[in-house]
Amino acid sequence: MDDGNNFDRCPDDVVVGSILSRLPVSDLVRFGVISRRWRNQWTSVRSLDFAADRYFNFLDNTESFDEVFTGVLNRLQSEFPINLIRCSIALPLGVNSIVLSRWLSLLGGCSVRDLALRSHTGYVFLCSFLSLVPSLEHLELARHVRLSTSPDDPFLPRLRSVALCGVKMSIGETLAFFLSKCPALERLRLDGCIFMGQTLRVVDAPRLSHLAVLNTSLRGIEIAAPALTTLEMDGVSMDRKVVLNVPSLRFLATSYVTGNRKYFFSSILEVIN
């Protein structure tokens, strides 16, 4: 007969791996209400989701969001050794660079490897912030973020995968500067990015093997990636220059590529031949 306490019968690894890892932070911190035995089990999770627009009513209240975020991360660092695999954050309205750098420092202390940030306003993200998370291996920036780089940005030796979705880059060299700081980068996905009529330059990426360019309008495209084996292009418009140096290319997938198609495909044929 069911005694109404089936939760207590579950092994701890099932609780952490199959249940808690799928809950938003707002539910994790309330989990002790269900069972005293699991009051601190939430501190063993390896994925935290601070998606403010779904789980918190903090989008217009940075102070409240900051209180939750810093409270959770400080407790994890002070009481329980943790190495986070993933953290997802929807930036609340009004967040500034000082606050975000403090948040990233906390994540760096938890050795987070996978970070996803998205914004609901035109937030300017400084790539120098990423040095605060030296353990970072995968980065996703999405929605209304403007990427800002500098030749003085520090190197990111462990970053292997980057996904930029709806990110604005107002200077043609922005992406090139960023890639030059990521010597271990293997996968790059650009989806709906805004290059302000500039040429997409994917250079200084010696280990890049997979590149996806989706739903983007460009003046031209220049790719110099000696290890690139897979190139995906879907919904891409190119007006002018096409320069390709991809001697290891093995797989090409294109759909709805418009504009300078003749030069694009002739460049591909030159590489293959």
C-alpha atoms as a PDB file:
ATOM      1  CA  MET A   1       0.000   0.000   0.000  1.00  0.00           C
ATOM      2  CA  ASP A   2       1.240   3.474  -0.847  1.00  0.00           C
ATOM      3  CA  ASP A   3       2.092   5.326   2.347  1.00  0.00           C
ATOM      4  CA  GLY A   4       2.454   8.650   0.509  1.00  0.00           C
ATOM      5  CA  ASN A   5       6.184   8.840   1.117  1.00  0.00           C
ATOM      6  CA  ASN A   6       7.607   7.270  -2.032  1.00  0.00           C
ATOM      7  CA  PHE A   7      10.130  10.077  -2.427  1.00  0.00           C
ATOM      8  CA  ASP A   8      12.095   8.763   0.574  1.00  0.00           C
ATOM      9  CA  ARG A   9      12.465   5.396  -1.114  1.00  0.00           C
ATOM     10  CA  CYS A  10      14.391   6.805  -4.067  1.00  0.00           C
ATOM     11  CA  PRO A  11      18.188   6.431  -4.033  1.00  0.00           C
ATOM     12  CA  ASP A  12      20.107   9.676  -3.652  1.00  0.00           C
ATOM     13  CA  ASP A  13      21.716   9.365  -7.088  1.00  0.00           C
ATOM     14  CA  VAL A  14      18.266   9.130  -8.680  1.00  0.00           C
ATOM     15  CA  VAL A  15      17.110  12.186  -6.769  1.00  0.00           C
ATOM     16  CA  VAL A  16      20.094  14.291  -7.819  1.00  0.00           C
ATOM     17  CA  GLY A  17      20.636  12.965 -11.334  1.00  0.00           C
ATOM     18  CA  SER A  18      17.082  12.468 -12.541  1.00  0.00           C
ATOM     19  CA  ILE A  19      14.952  14.896 -10.530  1.00  0.00           C
ATOM     20  CA  LEU A  20      16.870  17.816  -9.079  1.00  0.00           C
ATOM     21  CA  SER A  21      18.994  18.408 -12.182  1.00  0.00           C
ATOM     22  CA  ARG A  22      15.808  19.178 -14.141  1.00  0.00           C
ATOM     23  CA  LEU A  23      14.384  21.698 -11.671  1.00  0.00           C
ATOM     24  CA  PRO A  24      14.795  25.484 -11.811  1.00  0.00           C
ATOM     25  CA  VAL A  25      16.677  27.091  -8.951  1.00  0.00           C
ATOM     26  CA  SER A  26      13.473  28.492  -7.465  1.00  0.00           C
ATOM     27  CA  ASP A  27      12.250  24.917  -6.909  1.00  0.00           C
ATOM     28  CA  LEU A  28      15.611  23.519  -5.840  1.00  0.00           C
ATOM     29  CA  VAL A  29      15.879  25.786  -2.814  1.00  0.00           C
ATOM     30  CA  ARG A  30      12.389  24.696  -1.714  1.00  0.00           C
ATOM     31  CA  PHE A  31      13.105  21.000  -2.087  1.00  0.00           C
ATOM     32  CA  GLY A  32      13.681  20.384   1.628  1.00  0.00           C
ATOM     33  CA  VAL A  33       9.958  20.823   2.213  1.00  0.00           C
ATOM     34  CA  ILE A  34       9.333  17.439   0.579  1.00  0.00           C
ATOM     35  CA  SER A  35      11.735  15.434   2.718  1.00  0.00           C
ATOM     36  CA  ARG A  36      14.127  16.332   5.522  1.00  0.00           C
ATOM     37  CA  ARG A  37      16.461  13.635   4.279  1.00  0.00           C
ATOM     38  CA  TRP A  38      16.992  15.613   1.075  1.00  0.00           C
ATOM     39  CA  ARG A  39      17.100  19.073   2.631  1.00  0.00           C
ATOM     40  CA  ASN A  40      20.621  19.678   1.317  1.00  0.00           C
ATOM     41  CA  GLN A  41      20.555  17.336  -1.663  1.00  0.00           C
ATOM     42  CA  TRP A  42      20.040  20.256  -4.048  1.00  0.00           C
ATOM     43  CA  THR A  43      23.600  21.313  -3.318  1.00  0.00           C
ATOM     44  CA  SER A  44      24.833  18.236  -5.208  1.00  0.00           C
ATOM     45  CA  VAL A  45      23.359  19.278  -8.549  1.00  0.00           C
ATOM     46  CA  ARG A  46      25.676  20.046 -11.441  1.00  0.00           C
ATOM     47  CA  SER A  47      23.309  22.269 -13.427  1.00  0.00           C
ATOM     48  CA  LEU A  48      21.657  25.515 -12.333  1.00  0.00           C
ATOM     49  CA  ASP A  49      18.991  27.339 -14.327  1.00  0.00           C
ATOM     50  CA  PHE A  50      18.517  31.003 -13.449  1.00  0.00           C
ATOM     51  CA  ALA A  51      16.128  31.642 -16.336  1.00  0.00           C
ATOM     52  CA  ALA A  52      14.499  34.694 -14.843  1.00  0.00           C
ATOM     53  CA  ASP A  53      11.756  35.070 -17.436  1.00  0.00           C
ATOM     54  CA  ARG A  54      10.379  31.588 -16.689  1.00  0.00           C
ATOM     55  CA  TYR A  55      10.900  31.027 -12.988  1.00  0.00           C
ATOM     56  CA  PHE A  56      11.372  34.381 -11.310  1.00  0.00           C
ATOM     57  CA  ASN A  57       9.498  37.649 -11.460  1.00  0.00           C
ATOM     58  CA  PHE A  58      12.807  39.492 -11.304  1.00  0.00           C
ATOM     59  CA  LEU A  59      13.180  40.755 -14.855  1.00  0.00           C
ATOM     60  CA  ASP A  60      12.646  44.332 -13.696  1.00  0.00           C
ATOM     61  CA  ASN A  61      14.374  43.860 -10.338  1.00  0.00           C
ATOM     62  CA  THR A  62      18.110  43.251 -10.554  1.00  0.00           C
ATOM     63  CA  GLU A  63      18.553  43.496  -6.773  1.00  0.00           C
ATOM     64  CA  SER A  64      16.128  40.625  -6.110  1.00  0.00           C
ATOM     65  CA  PHE A  65      17.718  38.466  -8.778  1.00  0.00           C
ATOM     66  CA  ASP A  66      21.160  39.296  -7.415  1.00  0.00           C
ATOM     67  CA  GLU A  67      20.076  38.239  -3.930  1.00  0.00           C
ATOM     68  CA  VAL A  68      18.905  34.826  -5.161  1.00  0.00           C
ATOM     69  CA  PHE A  69      21.900  34.223  -7.422  1.00  0.00           C
ATOM     70  CA  THR A  70      24.597  35.266  -4.955  1.00  0.00           C
ATOM     71  CA  GLY A  71      22.831  33.476  -2.103  1.00  0.00           C
ATOM     72  CA  VAL A  72      22.776  30.161  -3.960  1.00  0.00           C
ATOM     73  CA  LEU A  73      26.333  30.395  -5.303  1.00  0.00           C
ATOM     74  CA  ASN A  74      27.805  31.612  -2.009  1.00  0.00           C
ATOM     75  CA  ARG A  75      26.240  28.712  -0.155  1.00  0.00           C
ATOM     76  CA  LEU A  76      27.537  26.219  -2.685  1.00  0.00           C
ATOM     77  CA  GLN A  77      31.048  27.627  -2.404  1.00  0.00           C
ATOM     78  CA  SER A  78      31.182  28.010   1.372  1.00  0.00           C
ATOM     79  CA  GLU A  79      29.520  24.796   2.537  1.00  0.00           C
ATOM     80  CA  PHE A  80      29.721  22.256  -0.267  1.00  0.00           C
ATOM     81  CA  PRO A  81      32.583  21.719  -2.751  1.00  0.00           C
ATOM     82  CA  ILE A  82      31.038  21.831  -6.221  1.00  0.00           C
ATOM     83  CA  ASN A  83      32.073  21.738  -9.842  1.00  0.00           C
ATOM     84  CA  LEU A  84      29.161  22.966 -11.922  1.00  0.00           C
ATOM     85  CA  ILE A  85      28.700  21.547 -15.383  1.00  0.00           C
ATOM     86  CA  ARG A  86      26.189  24.100 -16.635  1.00  0.00           C
ATOM     87  CA  CYS A  87      24.635  27.407 -15.609  1.00  0.00           C
ATOM     88  CA  SER A  88      21.962  29.277 -17.537  1.00  0.00           C
ATOM     89  CA  ILE A  89      21.147  32.917 -16.772  1.00  0.00           C
ATOM     90  CA  ALA A  90      18.537  35.247 -18.228  1.00  0.00           C
ATOM     91  CA  LEU A  91      19.883  38.692 -17.421  1.00  0.00           C
ATOM     92  CA  PRO A  92      17.315  40.878 -15.629  1.00  0.00           C
ATOM     93  CA  LEU A  93      16.646  44.404 -16.795  1.00  0.00           C
ATOM     94  CA  GLY A  94      19.134  46.978 -15.584  1.00  0.00           C
ATOM     95  CA  VAL A  95      22.038  44.632 -14.899  1.00  0.00           C
ATOM     96  CA  ASN A  96      25.371  46.401 -15.275  1.00  0.00           C
ATOM     97  CA  SER A  97      28.922  45.270 -15.920  1.00  0.00           C
ATOM     98  CA  ILE A  98      29.946  45.446 -12.264  1.00  0.00           C
ATOM     99  CA  VAL A  99      27.146  43.122 -11.168  1.00  0.00           C
ATOM    100  CA  LEU A 100      27.691  40.686 -14.034  1.00  0.00           C
ATOM    101  CA  SER A 101      31.429  40.491 -13.372  1.00  0.00           C
ATOM    102  CA  ARG A 102      30.668  39.603  -9.754  1.00  0.00           C
ATOM    103  CA  TRP A 103      28.289  36.850 -10.876  1.00  0.00           C
ATOM    104  CA  LEU A 104      30.872  35.433 -13.263  1.00  0.00           C
ATOM    105  CA  SER A 105      33.488  35.465 -10.516  1.00  0.00           C
ATOM    106  CA  LEU A 106      31.169  33.320  -8.406  1.00  0.00           C
ATOM    107  CA  LEU A 107      30.706  30.910 -11.304  1.00  0.00           C
ATOM    108  CA  GLY A 108      34.463  30.786 -11.774  1.00  0.00           C
ATOM    109  CA  GLY A 109      34.766  29.726  -8.146  1.00  0.00           C
ATOM    110  CA  CYS A 110      32.398  26.831  -8.892  1.00  0.00           C
ATOM    111  CA  SER A 111      34.462  25.789 -11.945  1.00  0.00           C
ATOM    112  CA  VAL A 112      31.474  26.006 -14.296  1.00  0.00           C
ATOM    113  CA  ARG A 113      32.172  24.497 -17.714  1.00  0.00           C
ATOM    114  CA  ASP A 114      29.024  25.420 -19.677  1.00  0.00           C
ATOM    115  CA  LEU A 115      27.550  28.941 -19.529  1.00  0.00           C
ATOM    116  CA  ALA A 116      24.472  30.291 -21.290  1.00  0.00           C
ATOM    117  CA  LEU A 117      23.563  33.985 -21.079  1.00  0.00           C
ATOM    118  CA  ARG A 118      20.658  35.756 -22.711  1.00  0.00           C
ATOM    119  CA  SER A 119      19.328  39.268 -22.416  1.00  0.00           C
ATOM    120  CA  HIS A 120      16.029  41.031 -23.071  1.00  0.00           C
ATOM    121  CA  THR A 121      17.622  44.390 -23.791  1.00  0.00           C
ATOM    122  CA  GLY A 122      20.617  45.612 -25.790  1.00  0.00           C
ATOM    123  CA  TYR A 123      23.203  44.460 -23.272  1.00  0.00           C
ATOM    124  CA  VAL A 124      26.872  44.925 -24.179  1.00  0.00           C
ATOM    125  CA  PHE A 125      28.868  41.827 -23.257  1.00  0.00           C
ATOM    126  CA  LEU A 126      32.607  42.359 -22.804  1.00  0.00           C
ATOM    127  CA  CYS A 127      34.613  39.272 -23.754  1.00  0.00           C
ATOM    128  CA  SER A 128      37.153  40.166 -21.074  1.00  0.00           C
ATOM    129  CA  PHE A 129      34.531  38.979 -18.545  1.00  0.00           C
ATOM    130  CA  LEU A 130      35.166  35.395 -19.617  1.00  0.00           C
ATOM    131  CA  SER A 131      38.579  35.445 -17.949  1.00  0.00           C
ATOM    132  CA  LEU A 132      36.634  35.331 -14.661  1.00  0.00           C
ATOM    133  CA  VAL A 133      35.543  31.785 -15.569  1.00  0.00           C
ATOM    134  CA  PRO A 134      38.822  30.082 -16.552  1.00  0.00           C
ATOM    135  CA  SER A 135      37.186  26.627 -16.479  1.00  0.00           C
ATOM    136  CA  LEU A 136      34.708  27.570 -19.242  1.00  0.00           C
ATOM    137  CA  GLU A 137      34.503  25.138 -22.163  1.00  0.00           C
ATOM    138  CA  HIS A 138      31.186  26.070 -23.799  1.00  0.00           C
ATOM    139  CA  LEU A 139      29.620  29.521 -24.163  1.00  0.00           C
ATOM    140  CA  GLU A 140      26.202  30.500 -25.463  1.00  0.00           C
ATOM    141  CA  LEU A 141      25.163  34.134 -25.877  1.00  0.00           C
ATOM    142  CA  ALA A 142      21.638  34.775 -27.070  1.00  0.00           C
ATOM    143  CA  ARG A 143      19.052  37.472 -27.755  1.00  0.00           C
ATOM    144  CA  HIS A 144      19.788  41.188 -27.766  1.00  0.00           C
ATOM    145  CA  VAL A 145      23.423  40.885 -26.718  1.00  0.00           C
ATOM    146  CA  ARG A 146      26.080  43.015 -28.387  1.00  0.00           C
ATOM    147  CA  LEU A 147      29.500  41.411 -28.357  1.00  0.00           C
ATOM    148  CA  SER A 148      32.394  43.727 -27.588  1.00  0.00           C
ATOM    149  CA  THR A 149      36.013  42.658 -27.962  1.00  0.00           C
ATOM    150  CA  SER A 150      39.469  44.142 -27.696  1.00  0.00           C
ATOM    151  CA  PRO A 151      42.916  42.972 -28.831  1.00  0.00           C
ATOM    152  CA  ASP A 152      43.848  43.175 -25.146  1.00  0.00           C
ATOM    153  CA  ASP A 153      41.265  40.565 -24.096  1.00  0.00           C
ATOM    154  CA  PRO A 154      42.840  37.599 -22.290  1.00  0.00           C
ATOM    155  CA  PHE A 155      43.188  34.180 -23.911  1.00  0.00           C
ATOM    156  CA  LEU A 156      40.529  31.554 -23.218  1.00  0.00           C
ATOM    157  CA  PRO A 157      42.554  28.346 -23.521  1.00  0.00           C
ATOM    158  CA  ARG A 158      39.794  25.889 -22.552  1.00  0.00           C
ATOM    159  CA  LEU A 159      36.895  27.270 -24.599  1.00  0.00           C
ATOM    160  CA  ARG A 160      35.984  24.587 -27.167  1.00  0.00           C
ATOM    161  CA  SER A 161      32.450  25.461 -28.280  1.00  0.00           C
ATOM    162  CA  VAL A 162      30.667  28.793 -28.883  1.00  0.00           C
ATOM    163  CA  ALA A 163      27.079  29.470 -29.941  1.00  0.00           C
ATOM    164  CA  LEU A 164      26.030  33.049 -30.724  1.00  0.00           C
ATOM    165  CA  CYS A 165      22.289  33.418 -31.330  1.00  0.00           C
ATOM    166  CA  GLY A 166      20.876  36.808 -32.265  1.00  0.00           C
ATOM    167  CA  VAL A 167      24.091  38.530 -31.188  1.00  0.00           C
ATOM    168  CA  LYS A 168      25.008  41.897 -32.663  1.00  0.00           C
ATOM    169  CA  MET A 169      28.547  42.680 -33.795  1.00  0.00           C
ATOM    170  CA  SER A 170      28.853  46.236 -35.039  1.00  0.00           C
ATOM    171  CA  ILE A 171      32.527  46.030 -36.035  1.00  0.00           C
ATOM    172  CA  GLY A 172      33.694  43.653 -38.713  1.00  0.00           C
ATOM    173  CA  GLU A 173      36.744  42.558 -36.713  1.00  0.00           C
ATOM    174  CA  THR A 174      34.794  41.734 -33.547  1.00  0.00           C
ATOM    175  CA  LEU A 175      34.432  38.023 -34.225  1.00  0.00           C
ATOM    176  CA  ALA A 176      37.974  37.717 -35.586  1.00  0.00           C
ATOM    177  CA  PHE A 177      39.404  39.268 -32.413  1.00  0.00           C
ATOM    178  CA  PHE A 178      37.321  36.933 -30.302  1.00  0.00           C
ATOM    179  CA  LEU A 179      38.362  33.809 -32.201  1.00  0.00           C
ATOM    180  CA  SER A 180      42.018  34.758 -31.947  1.00  0.00           C
ATOM    181  CA  LYS A 181      41.661  34.458 -28.163  1.00  0.00           C
ATOM    182  CA  CYS A 182      40.211  30.934 -28.343  1.00  0.00           C
ATOM    183  CA  PRO A 183      43.006  28.642 -29.614  1.00  0.00           C
ATOM    184  CA  ALA A 184      41.159  25.446 -28.569  1.00  0.00           C
ATOM    185  CA  LEU A 185      37.838  26.333 -30.263  1.00  0.00           C
ATOM    186  CA  GLU A 186      36.401  23.375 -32.180  1.00  0.00           C
ATOM    187  CA  ARG A 187      32.748  24.285 -32.820  1.00  0.00           C
ATOM    188  CA  LEU A 188      31.210  27.661 -33.732  1.00  0.00           C
ATOM    189  CA  ARG A 189      27.515  28.323 -34.367  1.00  0.00           C
ATOM    190  CA  LEU A 190      26.257  31.717 -35.592  1.00  0.00           C
ATOM    191  CA  ASP A 191      22.459  31.894 -35.759  1.00  0.00           C
ATOM    192  CA  GLY A 192      20.632  35.101 -36.624  1.00  0.00           C
ATOM    193  CA  CYS A 193      23.629  37.248 -35.764  1.00  0.00           C
ATOM    194  CA  ILE A 194      23.755  40.858 -36.939  1.00  0.00           C
ATOM    195  CA  PHE A 195      27.026  41.898 -38.543  1.00  0.00           C
ATOM    196  CA  MET A 196      25.858  45.388 -39.612  1.00  0.00           C
ATOM    197  CA  GLY A 197      26.696  44.775 -43.270  1.00  0.00           C
ATOM    198  CA  GLN A 198      30.193  43.556 -42.493  1.00  0.00           C
ATOM    199  CA  THR A 199      32.216  40.638 -43.825  1.00  0.00           C
ATOM    200  CA  LEU A 200      32.145  37.535 -41.665  1.00  0.00           C
ATOM    201  CA  ARG A 201      35.767  36.671 -40.882  1.00  0.00           C
ATOM    202  CA  VAL A 202      36.471  33.285 -39.323  1.00  0.00           C
ATOM    203  CA  VAL A 203      40.253  33.267 -39.041  1.00  0.00           C
ATOM    204  CA  ASP A 204      42.870  32.443 -36.401  1.00  0.00           C
ATOM    205  CA  ALA A 205      40.948  29.308 -35.446  1.00  0.00           C
ATOM    206  CA  PRO A 206      43.483  26.495 -35.940  1.00  0.00           C
ATOM    207  CA  ARG A 207      41.376  23.735 -34.328  1.00  0.00           C
ATOM    208  CA  LEU A 208      37.932  24.754 -35.591  1.00  0.00           C
ATOM    209  CA  SER A 209      36.305  21.665 -37.132  1.00  0.00           C
ATOM    210  CA  HIS A 210      32.594  22.568 -37.293  1.00  0.00           C
ATOM    211  CA  LEU A 211      31.116  25.892 -38.425  1.00  0.00           C
ATOM    212  CA  ALA A 212      27.405  26.686 -38.776  1.00  0.00           C
ATOM    213  CA  VAL A 213      26.223  30.034 -40.184  1.00  0.00           C
ATOM    214  CA  LEU A 214      22.438  30.381 -40.100  1.00  0.00           C
ATOM    215  CA  ASN A 215      19.881  33.100 -40.891  1.00  0.00           C
ATOM    216  CA  THR A 216      22.431  35.849 -41.443  1.00  0.00           C
ATOM    217  CA  SER A 217      22.962  38.648 -43.982  1.00  0.00           C
ATOM    218  CA  LEU A 218      26.579  39.424 -44.817  1.00  0.00           C
ATOM    219  CA  ARG A 219      28.592  41.655 -47.108  1.00  0.00           C
ATOM    220  CA  GLY A 220      30.945  38.752 -47.645  1.00  0.00           C
ATOM    221  CA  ILE A 221      32.535  35.774 -45.992  1.00  0.00           C
ATOM    222  CA  GLU A 222      36.156  34.913 -45.310  1.00  0.00           C
ATOM    223  CA  ILE A 223      37.055  31.595 -43.724  1.00  0.00           C
ATOM    224  CA  ALA A 224      40.612  30.478 -43.033  1.00  0.00           C
ATOM    225  CA  ALA A 225      40.351  27.347 -40.936  1.00  0.00           C
ATOM    226  CA  PRO A 226      42.815  24.565 -41.763  1.00  0.00           C
ATOM    227  CA  ALA A 227      41.071  21.936 -39.586  1.00  0.00           C
ATOM    228  CA  LEU A 228      37.499  22.713 -40.693  1.00  0.00           C
ATOM    229  CA  THR A 229      35.742  19.514 -41.811  1.00  0.00           C
ATOM    230  CA  THR A 230      32.056  20.533 -41.632  1.00  0.00           C
ATOM    231  CA  LEU A 231      30.447  23.731 -42.929  1.00  0.00           C
ATOM    232  CA  GLU A 232      26.706  24.392 -42.621  1.00  0.00           C
ATOM    233  CA  MET A 233      25.041  27.424 -44.210  1.00  0.00           C
ATOM    234  CA  ASP A 234      21.282  27.966 -44.127  1.00  0.00           C
ATOM    235  CA  GLY A 235      19.415  31.188 -44.812  1.00  0.00           C
ATOM    236  CA  VAL A 236      22.585  33.154 -45.596  1.00  0.00           C
ATOM    237  CA  SER A 237      22.792  36.156 -47.902  1.00  0.00           C
ATOM    238  CA  MET A 238      26.213  37.286 -49.183  1.00  0.00           C
ATOM    239  CA  ASP A 239      26.621  40.380 -51.321  1.00  0.00           C
ATOM    240  CA  ARG A 240      30.293  40.565 -52.197  1.00  0.00           C
ATOM    241  CA  LYS A 241      33.569  38.957 -51.185  1.00  0.00           C
ATOM    242  CA  VAL A 242      33.930  35.217 -50.760  1.00  0.00           C
ATOM    243  CA  VAL A 243      37.316  33.849 -49.661  1.00  0.00           C
ATOM    244  CA  LEU A 244      37.649  30.268 -48.457  1.00  0.00           C
ATOM    245  CA  ASN A 245      40.733  28.455 -47.215  1.00  0.00           C
ATOM    246  CA  VAL A 246      39.402  25.172 -45.816  1.00  0.00           C
ATOM    247  CA  PRO A 247      41.683  22.364 -47.088  1.00  0.00           C
ATOM    248  CA  SER A 248      40.237  19.735 -44.708  1.00  0.00           C
ATOM    249  CA  LEU A 249      36.578  20.298 -45.664  1.00  0.00           C
ATOM    250  CA  ARG A 250      34.688  16.997 -45.942  1.00  0.00           C
ATOM    251  CA  PHE A 251      31.024  17.904 -45.461  1.00  0.00           C
ATOM    252  CA  LEU A 252      29.103  20.889 -46.856  1.00  0.00           C
ATOM    253  CA  ALA A 253      25.410  21.545 -46.197  1.00  0.00           C
ATOM    254  CA  THR A 254      23.769  24.595 -47.797  1.00  0.00           C
ATOM    255  CA  SER A 255      20.153  25.744 -48.000  1.00  0.00           C
ATOM    256  CA  TYR A 256      18.760  29.102 -49.095  1.00  0.00           C
ATOM    257  CA  VAL A 257      22.157  30.655 -49.750  1.00  0.00           C
ATOM    258  CA  THR A 258      21.544  33.789 -51.797  1.00  0.00           C
ATOM    259  CA  GLY A 259      23.573  36.670 -53.170  1.00  0.00           C
ATOM    260  CA  ASN A 260      27.082  35.841 -54.308  1.00  0.00           C
ATOM    261  CA  ARG A 261      26.348  32.159 -54.892  1.00  0.00           C
ATOM    262  CA  LYS A 262      28.553  31.868 -57.958  1.00  0.00           C
ATOM    263  CA  TYR A 263      31.722  32.890 -56.160  1.00  0.00           C
ATOM    264  CA  PHE A 264      30.831  30.943 -53.053  1.00  0.00           C
ATOM    265  CA  PHE A 265      30.374  27.620 -54.809  1.00  0.00           C
ATOM    266  CA  SER A 266      33.308  28.199 -57.159  1.00  0.00           C
ATOM    267  CA  SER A 267      35.467  28.756 -54.097  1.00  0.00           C
ATOM    268  CA  ILE A 268      34.189  25.497 -52.640  1.00  0.00           C
ATOM    269  CA  LEU A 269      35.021  23.660 -55.859  1.00  0.00           C
ATOM    270  CA  GLU A 270      38.527  25.105 -55.854  1.00  0.00           C
ATOM    271  CA  VAL A 271      39.041  23.811 -52.328  1.00  0.00           C
ATOM    272  CA  ILE A 272      37.703  20.332 -53.170  1.00  0.00           C
ATOM    273  CA  ASN A 273      39.815  20.085 -56.308  1.00  0.00           C
END
